[in-house]
C-alpha cells in the first residue's frame, strides 16, 4: 500500500522544517552563551598534581556513564538504570523517526523492529512511572512546573506511538505513523523552548566543572586507600 501525500509530507518536509527551526534556535542560544567568557581559577593548584584540567574535564563528561562515581546513583542504582533506559528510549525514538523515511528497509528485519520496540517500550513504562511519581510524591509536586507535566506526558504518549509505529506498517491505516511524525515535529520545535533543552547545556557545564576540579586536583576522584 502506497503512503499518502500527507504522510509523505509529515515524514519529510515537516520534519526538515522542524529540524531547521530547532537548529536555528540552538545556534542563537549557543552564540549568546559563548559571548560570556568563563572565569578562570584565582587560586593556585591544590590537592593532587597527578591530574590536570583536561583529565578533570574528560572525567566530568564521562560521569553520566559511571553510576559508581556519584553517591546519588551509587546508592540508588535502580534510579540510574531508569535514567539510562529512559534516555536510550528517547534516542531510539529519534532514530526511528529517521529510519522510517530514509532507511525503511532496516525495518524488514523483525529483530530490528523488536529492538526499537524494546527500548521505546521501556521508556514508555518509565514515563508512566515518572508521571505517577511526580503526581503522588509531595516533594516532586512542590518542585514541578506545568512544563514538567506537559513535557513528560507528551513524551510518554510519543513513546507509545513510537512502539506502534516501529513496524512501519500502513496496511491498517496511516493514523499511527502520522501521529508519531506529527508528535516528533512538535517536539523538535517545542524542545528548545522547554526545560527538556537542558541537554544542550549539560556538556558545557560538565566541561567547565571538570576543568576547574581537575585544576584543583579533585577530578578524577581517587578512591581512598585504607591503611
Protein backbone atom coordinates (compact mmCIF):
# COMPACT_ATOMS: atom_id res chain seq x y z
CA UNK A 1 0.00 0.00 0.00
CA UNK A 2 1.46 3.36 -1.05
CA UNK A 3 1.62 6.15 1.51
CA UNK A 4 -0.47 9.28 1.06
CA UNK A 5 0.89 12.73 0.28
CA UNK A 6 0.01 13.84 3.82
CA UNK A 7 2.08 11.08 5.42
CA UNK A 8 4.95 11.75 3.00
CA UNK A 9 4.84 15.44 3.96
CA UNK A 10 4.82 14.57 7.68
CA UNK A 11 7.76 12.20 7.29
CA UNK A 12 9.91 14.50 5.17
CA UNK A 13 9.18 18.20 4.71
CA UNK A 14 7.58 18.74 8.12
CA UNK A 15 10.49 17.05 9.91
CA UNK A 16 13.03 19.02 7.86
CA UNK A 17 11.36 22.34 8.72
CA UNK A 18 11.11 21.36 12.40
CA UNK A 19 14.79 20.36 12.47
CA UNK A 20 15.75 23.66 10.83
CA UNK A 21 13.79 25.64 13.42
CA UNK A 22 15.38 23.65 16.28
CA UNK A 23 18.89 24.09 14.84
CA UNK A 24 18.33 27.84 14.39
CA UNK A 25 17.13 28.32 17.97
CA UNK A 26 20.01 26.28 19.37
CA UNK A 27 22.55 28.16 17.25
CA UNK A 28 21.25 31.50 18.53
CA UNK A 29 21.40 30.19 22.10
CA UNK A 30 24.97 28.95 21.72
CA UNK A 31 26.12 32.20 20.11
CA UNK A 32 24.61 34.10 23.04
CA UNK A 33 26.08 31.69 25.59
CA UNK A 34 29.62 31.82 24.26
CA UNK A 35 29.61 35.61 24.38
CA UNK A 36 30.36 35.20 28.07
CA UNK A 37 33.90 34.16 28.86
CA UNK A 38 34.24 31.54 31.59
CA UNK A 39 36.18 32.74 34.60
CA UNK A 40 39.49 31.17 35.49
CA UNK A 41 40.66 29.81 38.81
CA UNK A 42 42.03 32.57 41.05
CA UNK A 43 43.87 30.28 43.43
CA UNK A 44 46.98 28.19 42.99
CA UNK A 45 46.74 24.50 42.24
CA UNK A 46 45.92 22.36 45.24
CA UNK A 47 45.48 18.67 46.00
CA UNK A 48 46.91 16.01 43.73
CA UNK A 49 49.23 17.08 40.90
CA UNK A 50 48.82 13.77 39.05
CA UNK A 51 45.69 15.11 37.38
CA UNK A 52 45.02 18.13 35.18
CA UNK A 53 42.17 20.33 33.92
CA UNK A 54 41.98 18.19 30.77
CA UNK A 55 41.72 14.93 32.73
CA UNK A 56 39.15 16.52 35.02
CA UNK A 57 37.02 17.69 32.09
CA UNK A 58 37.04 14.25 30.46
CA UNK A 59 36.15 12.59 33.76
CA UNK A 60 33.32 15.03 34.32
CA UNK A 61 31.87 14.49 30.83
CA UNK A 62 32.03 10.70 31.28
CA UNK A 63 30.44 10.92 34.72
CA UNK A 64 26.98 10.26 33.31
CA UNK A 65 28.07 6.74 32.30
CA UNK A 66 29.67 5.99 35.67
CA UNK A 67 26.95 5.38 38.27
CA UNK A 68 29.58 4.42 40.84
CA UNK A 69 31.14 7.90 40.67
CA UNK A 70 28.29 9.78 42.38
CA UNK A 71 26.71 8.92 45.71
CA UNK A 72 23.17 9.64 44.43
CA UNK A 73 23.48 6.93 41.76
CA UNK A 74 25.86 4.63 43.62
CA UNK A 75 23.38 4.18 46.45
CA UNK A 76 20.35 4.01 44.15
CA UNK A 77 21.40 2.01 41.08
CA UNK A 78 17.75 1.37 40.06
CA UNK A 79 17.24 5.11 39.62
CA UNK A 80 20.28 5.32 37.31
CA UNK A 81 19.07 2.30 35.29
CA UNK A 82 15.71 4.04 34.83
CA UNK A 83 17.51 7.21 33.75
CA UNK A 84 19.65 5.28 31.25
CA UNK A 85 16.74 3.32 29.76
CA UNK A 86 14.58 6.42 29.50
CA UNK A 87 17.21 8.31 27.54
CA UNK A 88 18.05 5.28 25.41
CA UNK A 89 14.34 5.16 24.57
CA UNK A 90 14.45 8.82 23.53
CA UNK A 91 17.47 8.07 21.32
CA UNK A 92 15.72 5.04 19.80
CA UNK A 93 12.55 7.02 19.05
CA UNK A 94 14.52 9.83 17.41
CA UNK A 95 16.49 7.28 15.38
CA UNK A 96 13.25 5.61 14.33
CA UNK A 97 11.95 8.94 13.02
CA UNK A 98 14.90 8.95 10.59
CA UNK A 99 14.89 5.24 9.77
CA UNK A 100 11.24 5.11 8.67
CA UNK A 101 11.53 7.77 5.93
CA UNK A 102 15.19 7.31 4.94
CA UNK A 103 16.04 3.66 5.70
CA UNK A 104 12.77 1.72 5.85
CA UNK A 105 14.42 -1.47 4.61
CA UNK A 106 16.06 -1.84 8.04
CA UNK A 107 12.61 -2.45 9.48
CA UNK A 108 12.13 -5.50 7.28
CA UNK A 109 14.22 -7.28 9.91
CA UNK A 110 11.95 -8.36 12.74
CA UNK A 111 14.79 -8.25 15.28
CA UNK A 112 15.47 -4.60 14.46
CA UNK A 113 11.79 -3.78 14.97
CA UNK A 114 11.77 -5.66 18.28
CA UNK A 115 14.90 -3.79 19.35
CA UNK A 116 13.26 -0.42 18.71
CA UNK A 117 10.08 -1.54 20.46
CA UNK A 118 12.00 -2.87 23.47
CA UNK A 119 13.89 0.37 24.14
CA UNK A 120 11.00 2.70 23.33
CA UNK A 121 8.58 0.48 25.29
CA UNK A 122 10.86 0.52 28.33
CA UNK A 123 10.97 4.33 28.12
CA UNK A 124 7.16 4.38 27.91
CA UNK A 125 6.82 2.34 31.12
CA UNK A 126 9.35 4.52 32.91
CA UNK A 127 7.50 7.60 31.66
CA UNK A 128 4.28 6.25 33.18
CA UNK A 129 6.08 5.66 36.47
CA UNK A 130 7.58 9.14 36.42
CA UNK A 131 4.15 10.70 35.86
CA UNK A 132 2.80 8.74 38.83
CA UNK A 133 5.80 9.71 40.98
CA UNK A 134 5.54 13.38 40.06
CA UNK A 135 1.84 13.44 40.93
CA UNK A 136 1.93 11.26 44.06
CA UNK A 137 5.14 12.48 45.72
CA UNK A 138 4.67 15.67 47.75
CA UNK A 139 8.22 16.88 47.15
CA UNK A 140 8.02 16.27 43.40
CA UNK A 141 4.70 18.13 43.22
CA UNK A 142 6.24 21.10 45.02
CA UNK A 143 9.10 21.50 42.54
CA UNK A 144 7.17 20.64 39.37
CA UNK A 145 6.05 23.24 36.84
CA UNK A 146 3.31 22.95 34.19
CA UNK A 147 6.10 22.43 31.63
CA UNK A 148 7.33 19.39 33.61
CA UNK A 149 3.91 17.73 33.48
CA UNK A 150 3.25 18.66 29.86
CA UNK A 151 6.66 17.54 28.60
CA UNK A 152 6.63 14.25 30.48
CA UNK A 153 3.06 13.34 29.49
CA UNK A 154 3.63 14.22 25.84
CA UNK A 155 6.92 12.30 25.79
CA UNK A 156 5.18 9.25 27.20
CA UNK A 157 2.44 9.45 24.56
CA UNK A 158 5.15 9.82 21.91
CA UNK A 159 6.84 6.66 23.17
CA UNK A 160 3.54 4.77 22.92
CA UNK A 161 3.12 5.76 19.29
CA UNK A 162 6.78 5.01 18.65
CA UNK A 163 6.27 1.40 19.75
CA UNK A 164 3.25 1.10 17.45
CA UNK A 165 5.00 2.87 14.55
CA UNK A 166 8.16 0.72 14.62
CA UNK A 167 6.84 -1.97 12.19
CA UNK A 168 6.22 0.82 9.63
CA UNK A 169 3.01 -0.88 8.50
CA UNK A 170 0.24 1.18 6.90
CA UNK A 171 -1.90 -1.76 5.81
CA UNK A 172 -4.32 -0.95 8.63
CA UNK A 173 -4.25 2.80 8.03
CA UNK A 174 -1.82 5.69 8.40
CA UNK A 175 -3.11 7.09 11.70
CA UNK A 176 -0.34 5.68 13.92
CA UNK A 177 2.55 6.74 11.68
CA UNK A 178 1.00 10.14 11.01
CA UNK A 179 0.51 10.80 14.73
CA UNK A 180 4.05 9.67 15.52
CA UNK A 181 5.57 12.07 12.99
CA UNK A 182 3.31 14.97 13.97
CA UNK A 183 4.38 14.48 17.60
CA UNK A 184 8.02 14.24 16.53
CA UNK A 185 7.81 17.52 14.60
CA UNK A 186 6.10 19.22 17.53
CA UNK A 187 8.84 18.11 19.91
CA UNK A 188 11.60 19.29 17.60
CA UNK A 189 10.09 22.78 17.67
CA UNK A 190 9.00 22.75 21.33
CA UNK A 191 12.09 21.27 22.99
CA UNK A 192 14.42 24.29 22.54
CA UNK A 193 11.87 26.44 24.39
CA UNK A 194 11.21 23.93 27.19
CA UNK A 195 13.14 22.52 30.14
CA UNK A 196 13.92 19.46 28.02
CA UNK A 197 16.53 21.63 26.33
CA UNK A 198 18.77 21.21 29.39
CA UNK A 199 20.81 18.64 27.46
CA UNK A 200 22.22 21.49 25.36
CA UNK A 201 23.94 22.92 28.42
CA UNK A 202 24.92 19.64 30.09
CA UNK A 203 28.24 19.05 28.24
CA UNK A 204 29.22 22.72 28.65
CA UNK A 205 28.60 22.83 32.39
CA UNK A 206 30.22 19.43 32.95
CA UNK A 207 33.28 20.51 30.96
CA UNK A 208 33.86 23.67 32.98
CA UNK A 209 33.13 21.92 36.28
CA UNK A 210 35.57 19.11 35.47
CA UNK A 211 38.23 21.53 34.23
CA UNK A 212 38.04 23.52 37.46
CA UNK A 213 38.06 20.48 39.73
CA UNK A 214 40.87 18.91 37.70
CA UNK A 215 42.90 22.08 38.20
CA UNK A 216 42.30 21.79 41.93
CA UNK A 217 43.41 18.15 41.95
CA UNK A 218 39.98 16.75 42.79
CA UNK A 219 38.85 15.21 39.46
CA UNK A 220 39.17 12.36 38.59
CA UNK A 221 38.08 11.24 42.04
CA UNK A 222 40.62 8.97 43.64
CA UNK A 223 39.40 6.07 45.74
CA UNK A 224 40.59 6.24 49.29
CA UNK A 225 43.04 3.54 50.29
CA UNK A 226 42.60 2.08 53.73
CA UNK A 227 45.85 1.89 55.72
